[in-house]
Amino acid sequence: MGAGAKHQLVFVDRLLATLVHLRHAVTHDVPACWFGVDRSTITRTIGEVRPLLAERGCTISRGVRLRPLAGVIDHLGASGKTGIIDGTEIRVRRPAAGRKDRDKFISGKSKQNAVKTMVVMDGDGRMLFCSPTQHGSCADITHARQSGLARLLEGGPAAEILADAGYQGLGAQTGGRVVTPPHRKFKKNAPDWYEEMHERQRKAHSSRRIRVEHGIAHLKNWRALARHLGRREHMSDTVQAVAGLLSHQQTADLIPARQV
């Protein structure tokens, strides 16, 4: 603390430069021109402020934030709200030729170089958690297990988590706490009544978890997550910083409505 060159910008200006970079994904030259400093100053600024924003966690009420996934599960269990999880991919630059883990970034779904994060929201569409990123080739259910979701649900509070078909298998592992779309019992020559029932159940499940799709769309409105052109090592901080800022915005939007 206190070592190194002194900052040319006050903290408010450094925070503003970081927010502009996350929101609009402008190059470091743009805020450098605005503030009249060198490009390296903005690079240093973003590198220092971005981890601070990522560590804030997601805001659920004024002065209350959720940081680790264990706190999110405890919050869902205590509040009785339904959680919704889904994985989303963010396109990144192709790793350099000759790198050993180069193929791990290729997504089997989009066939592009990407990283993946797991988003957790509640039934009201409030952002609760974004996990650190994994390679694009990592399956959704594998990512959930590596993040500790199955372990926390298995021995944690009775919380209902809605998920898509990519998480089938977690339901049995967590005692039914993870709810996925219904299986098809008839793969061929299914009777008409079964097709109608299966379609009705599938649509009912999709309508309950549609809010996580909307939340991911709001995340991708931040240009830094639409397609990341910077270093892949910073993606975890970038995703979690944007998730925290989005949750804070959602909380600020709800406060005036409650007061009225």
Protein backbone atom coordinates (compact mmCIF):
# COMPACT_ATOMS: atom_id res chain seq x y z
CA MET A 1 0.00 0.00 0.00
CA GLY A 2 1.41 3.37 -1.01
CA ALA A 3 4.16 1.93 -3.20
CA GLY A 4 4.51 2.66 -6.90
CA ALA A 5 3.68 5.73 -8.93
CA LYS A 6 1.03 8.09 -7.61
CA HIS A 7 -2.35 8.05 -9.32
CA GLN A 8 -2.98 10.85 -11.80
CA LEU A 9 -6.76 10.44 -11.45
CA VAL A 10 -8.89 10.62 -8.33
CA PHE A 11 -10.82 7.48 -7.42
CA VAL A 12 -14.13 8.76 -8.84
CA ASP A 13 -12.51 9.32 -12.23
CA ARG A 14 -10.87 5.90 -12.11
CA LEU A 15 -14.22 4.31 -11.29
CA LEU A 16 -15.91 6.22 -14.13
CA ALA A 17 -13.27 5.11 -16.63
CA THR A 18 -13.76 1.47 -15.58
CA LEU A 19 -17.55 1.72 -15.85
CA VAL A 20 -17.32 3.21 -19.35
CA HIS A 21 -14.97 0.42 -20.40
CA LEU A 22 -17.30 -2.30 -19.05
CA ARG A 23 -20.49 -0.75 -20.42
CA HIS A 24 -19.31 0.15 -23.91
CA ALA A 25 -16.14 -1.98 -24.34
CA VAL A 26 -14.21 1.00 -25.67
CA THR A 27 -10.47 0.72 -26.07
CA HIS A 28 -8.27 2.23 -23.37
CA ASP A 29 -7.33 5.02 -25.76
CA VAL A 30 -10.83 6.54 -25.55
CA PRO A 31 -10.99 7.25 -21.78
CA ALA A 32 -7.32 8.22 -21.94
CA CYS A 33 -8.27 10.95 -24.42
CA TRP A 34 -11.23 12.03 -22.27
CA PHE A 35 -9.21 12.41 -19.08
CA GLY A 36 -6.07 13.69 -20.76
CA VAL A 37 -3.78 10.90 -19.53
CA ASP A 38 -1.69 8.19 -21.09
CA ARG A 39 -3.19 4.90 -22.22
CA SER A 40 -1.10 2.98 -19.68
CA THR A 41 -2.74 5.01 -16.91
CA ILE A 42 -6.18 3.80 -17.95
CA THR A 43 -4.91 0.22 -18.26
CA ARG A 44 -3.58 0.39 -14.72
CA THR A 45 -6.81 2.01 -13.50
CA ILE A 46 -9.07 -0.67 -14.97
CA GLY A 47 -6.81 -3.42 -13.69
CA GLU A 48 -7.11 -2.07 -10.14
CA VAL A 49 -10.81 -1.12 -10.04
CA ARG A 50 -12.29 -4.12 -11.88
CA PRO A 51 -11.36 -6.66 -9.14
CA LEU A 52 -12.86 -4.33 -6.53
CA LEU A 53 -16.16 -4.29 -8.40
CA ALA A 54 -16.06 -8.09 -8.77
CA GLU A 55 -15.54 -8.57 -5.02
CA ARG A 56 -18.61 -6.51 -4.12
CA GLY A 57 -21.01 -9.36 -4.92
CA CYS A 58 -24.64 -8.99 -5.93
CA THR A 59 -26.94 -6.59 -4.10
CA ILE A 60 -30.27 -7.99 -2.89
CA SER A 61 -31.29 -5.03 -0.70
CA ARG A 62 -29.79 -1.78 0.45
CA GLY A 63 -26.51 -2.60 2.19
CA VAL A 64 -26.92 -6.40 1.81
CA ARG A 65 -24.85 -8.30 -0.78
CA LEU A 66 -24.33 -11.95 -1.67
CA ARG A 67 -20.81 -13.04 -2.55
CA PRO A 68 -20.10 -16.79 -2.37
CA LEU A 69 -22.44 -19.37 -3.81
CA ALA A 70 -23.07 -20.79 -0.34
CA GLY A 71 -24.57 -17.46 0.71
CA VAL A 72 -26.86 -17.51 -2.33
CA ILE A 73 -28.18 -20.98 -1.44
CA ASP A 74 -28.73 -19.93 2.18
CA HIS A 75 -30.60 -16.83 0.99
CA LEU A 76 -32.90 -18.88 -1.25
CA GLY A 77 -33.58 -21.35 1.51
CA ALA A 78 -34.30 -18.66 4.12
CA SER A 79 -36.48 -16.53 1.84
CA GLY A 80 -38.36 -19.46 0.31
CA LYS A 81 -37.79 -18.12 -3.20
CA THR A 82 -37.15 -20.28 -6.23
CA GLY A 83 -33.73 -20.04 -7.81
CA ILE A 84 -33.03 -20.31 -11.54
CA ILE A 85 -29.67 -21.32 -13.02
CA ASP A 86 -28.36 -21.33 -16.55
CA GLY A 87 -25.04 -21.24 -18.33
CA THR A 88 -24.08 -18.65 -20.91
CA GLU A 89 -21.13 -18.34 -23.25
CA ILE A 90 -19.03 -15.28 -24.03
CA ARG A 91 -16.94 -15.19 -27.18
CA VAL A 92 -13.24 -14.57 -26.67
CA ARG A 93 -10.15 -14.34 -28.80
CA ARG A 94 -8.68 -17.52 -30.18
CA PRO A 95 -5.72 -18.74 -28.13
CA ALA A 96 -2.32 -18.61 -29.74
CA ALA A 97 -1.16 -21.51 -31.88
CA GLY A 98 0.76 -24.13 -29.98
CA ARG A 99 -1.01 -23.56 -26.66
CA LYS A 100 -1.77 -26.90 -25.00
CA ASP A 101 -5.33 -26.03 -23.90
CA ARG A 102 -6.25 -24.28 -27.12
CA ASP A 103 -9.03 -26.72 -28.01
CA LYS A 104 -10.67 -26.37 -24.60
CA PHE A 105 -11.99 -22.92 -25.51
CA ILE A 106 -13.97 -24.24 -28.48
CA SER A 107 -17.63 -24.54 -27.52
CA GLY A 108 -19.43 -27.67 -28.67
CA LYS A 109 -22.64 -25.66 -28.88
CA SER A 110 -21.62 -22.55 -30.83
CA LYS A 111 -18.45 -23.98 -32.45
CA GLN A 112 -16.61 -20.80 -31.48
CA ASN A 113 -13.93 -19.85 -28.99
CA ALA A 114 -15.72 -18.93 -25.79
CA VAL A 115 -15.72 -19.03 -22.01
CA LYS A 116 -18.71 -20.07 -19.92
CA THR A 117 -20.23 -18.75 -16.71
CA MET A 118 -23.13 -19.97 -14.56
CA VAL A 119 -25.82 -17.40 -13.74
CA VAL A 120 -28.10 -17.73 -10.69
CA MET A 121 -31.26 -15.61 -10.37
CA ASP A 122 -34.37 -15.76 -8.22
CA GLY A 123 -37.95 -16.13 -9.38
CA ASP A 124 -38.36 -12.34 -9.50
CA GLY A 125 -35.53 -11.94 -12.01
CA ARG A 126 -33.00 -10.58 -9.51
CA MET A 127 -29.35 -11.30 -10.21
CA LEU A 128 -27.85 -13.30 -7.34
CA PHE A 129 -24.58 -14.82 -8.55
CA CYS A 130 -22.25 -15.25 -11.51
CA SER A 131 -19.60 -17.92 -11.26
CA PRO A 132 -15.97 -17.60 -12.36
CA THR A 133 -15.56 -18.53 -16.00
CA GLN A 134 -14.61 -21.92 -17.38
CA HIS A 135 -13.48 -23.06 -20.83
CA GLY A 136 -16.20 -23.10 -23.46
CA SER A 137 -15.97 -26.88 -23.84
CA CYS A 138 -17.04 -27.42 -20.22
CA ALA A 139 -20.57 -28.85 -19.94
CA ASP A 140 -23.16 -26.96 -17.90
CA ILE A 141 -23.62 -29.77 -15.40
CA THR A 142 -19.85 -30.16 -14.99
CA HIS A 143 -19.50 -26.45 -14.35
CA ALA A 144 -22.25 -26.61 -11.72
CA ARG A 145 -20.54 -29.50 -9.95
CA GLN A 146 -17.14 -27.84 -10.05
CA SER A 147 -18.60 -24.66 -8.54
CA GLY A 148 -19.94 -26.71 -5.61
CA LEU A 149 -23.64 -26.29 -6.37
CA ALA A 150 -24.50 -29.98 -6.01
CA ARG A 151 -22.63 -30.28 -2.72
CA LEU A 152 -24.27 -27.17 -1.26
CA LEU A 153 -27.76 -28.29 -2.24
CA GLU A 154 -27.25 -31.86 -1.11
CA GLY A 155 -26.48 -30.88 2.47
CA GLY A 156 -27.98 -27.41 2.55
CA PRO A 157 -31.42 -25.85 2.96
CA ALA A 158 -34.48 -27.01 1.03
CA ALA A 159 -34.27 -24.64 -1.93
CA GLU A 160 -35.89 -25.22 -5.32
CA ILE A 161 -33.62 -24.57 -8.30
CA LEU A 162 -35.00 -24.52 -11.84
CA ALA A 163 -32.66 -25.57 -14.64
CA ASP A 164 -32.78 -26.60 -18.28
CA ALA A 165 -32.04 -29.99 -19.80
CA GLY A 166 -28.30 -29.38 -19.58
CA TYR A 167 -28.48 -30.02 -15.82
CA GLN A 168 -30.40 -33.30 -15.93
CA GLY A 169 -28.86 -35.57 -13.33
CA LEU A 170 -28.47 -32.95 -10.61
CA GLY A 171 -32.03 -33.59 -9.45
CA ALA A 172 -31.23 -37.10 -8.24
CA GLN A 173 -27.91 -35.96 -6.78
CA THR A 174 -29.49 -33.12 -4.76
CA GLY A 175 -32.61 -34.89 -3.55
CA GLY A 176 -34.92 -33.26 -6.07
CA ARG A 177 -33.86 -29.69 -5.30
CA VAL A 178 -32.81 -29.12 -8.92
CA VAL A 179 -35.87 -29.31 -11.19
CA THR A 180 -35.26 -29.98 -14.90
CA PRO A 181 -37.68 -30.46 -17.82
CA PRO A 182 -39.56 -33.77 -17.84
CA HIS A 183 -38.01 -36.76 -19.58
CA ARG A 184 -39.62 -38.29 -22.63
CA LYS A 185 -40.80 -41.80 -21.77
CA PHE A 186 -41.84 -42.55 -25.35
CA LYS A 187 -39.14 -41.88 -27.92
CA LYS A 188 -41.06 -43.44 -30.80
CA ASN A 189 -44.75 -43.84 -31.56
CA ALA A 190 -45.85 -41.83 -28.55
CA PRO A 191 -49.63 -41.58 -28.07
CA ASP A 192 -51.26 -38.23 -28.70
CA TRP A 193 -52.29 -37.73 -25.07
CA TYR A 194 -48.67 -38.16 -23.96
CA GLU A 195 -47.35 -35.69 -26.54
CA GLU A 196 -49.89 -33.12 -25.39
CA MET A 197 -49.08 -33.66 -21.71
CA HIS A 198 -45.32 -33.55 -22.30
CA GLU A 199 -45.56 -30.35 -24.32
CA ARG A 200 -47.71 -28.73 -21.66
CA GLN A 201 -45.26 -29.66 -18.90
CA ARG A 202 -42.29 -28.50 -20.94
CA LYS A 203 -43.86 -25.10 -21.65
CA ALA A 204 -44.85 -24.67 -18.00
CA HIS A 205 -41.25 -25.30 -16.94
CA SER A 206 -39.87 -22.95 -19.60
CA SER A 207 -42.25 -20.16 -18.59
CA ARG A 208 -41.04 -20.42 -14.96
CA ARG A 209 -37.37 -20.15 -15.86
CA ILE A 210 -37.66 -17.54 -18.62
CA ARG A 211 -36.46 -14.84 -16.25
CA VAL A 212 -32.93 -16.17 -16.27
CA GLU A 213 -32.88 -15.77 -20.06
CA HIS A 214 -33.93 -12.15 -19.64
CA GLY A 215 -31.24 -11.66 -17.00
CA ILE A 216 -28.56 -13.05 -19.30
CA ALA A 217 -29.76 -10.70 -22.03
CA HIS A 218 -29.31 -7.76 -19.63
CA LEU A 219 -25.80 -8.99 -18.89
CA LYS A 220 -24.96 -9.14 -22.59
CA ASN A 221 -26.17 -5.54 -23.00
CA TRP A 222 -22.86 -4.63 -21.38
CA ARG A 223 -20.59 -4.61 -24.38
CA ALA A 224 -17.69 -6.11 -22.44
CA LEU A 225 -19.70 -9.36 -22.30
CA ALA A 226 -21.11 -9.29 -25.82
CA ARG A 227 -17.71 -10.29 -27.19
CA HIS A 228 -14.54 -9.99 -25.15
CA LEU A 229 -11.49 -8.84 -27.08
CA GLY A 230 -9.14 -8.43 -24.12
CA ARG A 231 -7.20 -10.93 -22.06
CA ARG A 232 -9.12 -14.08 -21.15
CA GLU A 233 -7.55 -14.07 -17.67
CA HIS A 234 -9.71 -11.06 -16.77
CA MET A 235 -13.03 -12.59 -17.78
CA SER A 236 -14.01 -13.85 -14.31
CA ASP A 237 -13.55 -10.39 -12.80
CA THR A 238 -15.37 -8.79 -15.72
CA VAL A 239 -18.41 -11.09 -15.48
CA GLN A 240 -18.72 -10.77 -11.72
CA ALA A 241 -18.23 -7.01 -11.82
CA VAL A 242 -21.00 -6.56 -14.38
CA ALA A 243 -23.29 -8.92 -12.43
CA GLY A 244 -22.77 -6.86 -9.27
CA LEU A 245 -23.45 -3.60 -11.08
CA LEU A 246 -26.58 -5.02 -12.71
CA SER A 247 -27.92 -6.28 -9.38
CA HIS A 248 -27.28 -2.87 -7.81
CA GLN A 249 -29.20 -1.23 -10.64
CA GLN A 250 -32.10 -3.65 -10.15
CA THR A 251 -32.21 -2.85 -6.43
CA ALA A 252 -32.12 0.90 -7.08
CA ASP A 253 -35.01 0.57 -9.55
CA LEU A 254 -37.15 -1.26 -6.97
CA ILE A 255 -36.66 1.16 -4.07
CA PRO A 256 -38.76 4.09 -5.46
CA ALA A 257 -41.62 1.73 -6.38
CA ARG A 258 -41.77 0.38 -2.82
CA GLN A 259 -41.76 3.85 -1.33
CA VAL A 260 -44.68 4.91 -3.51
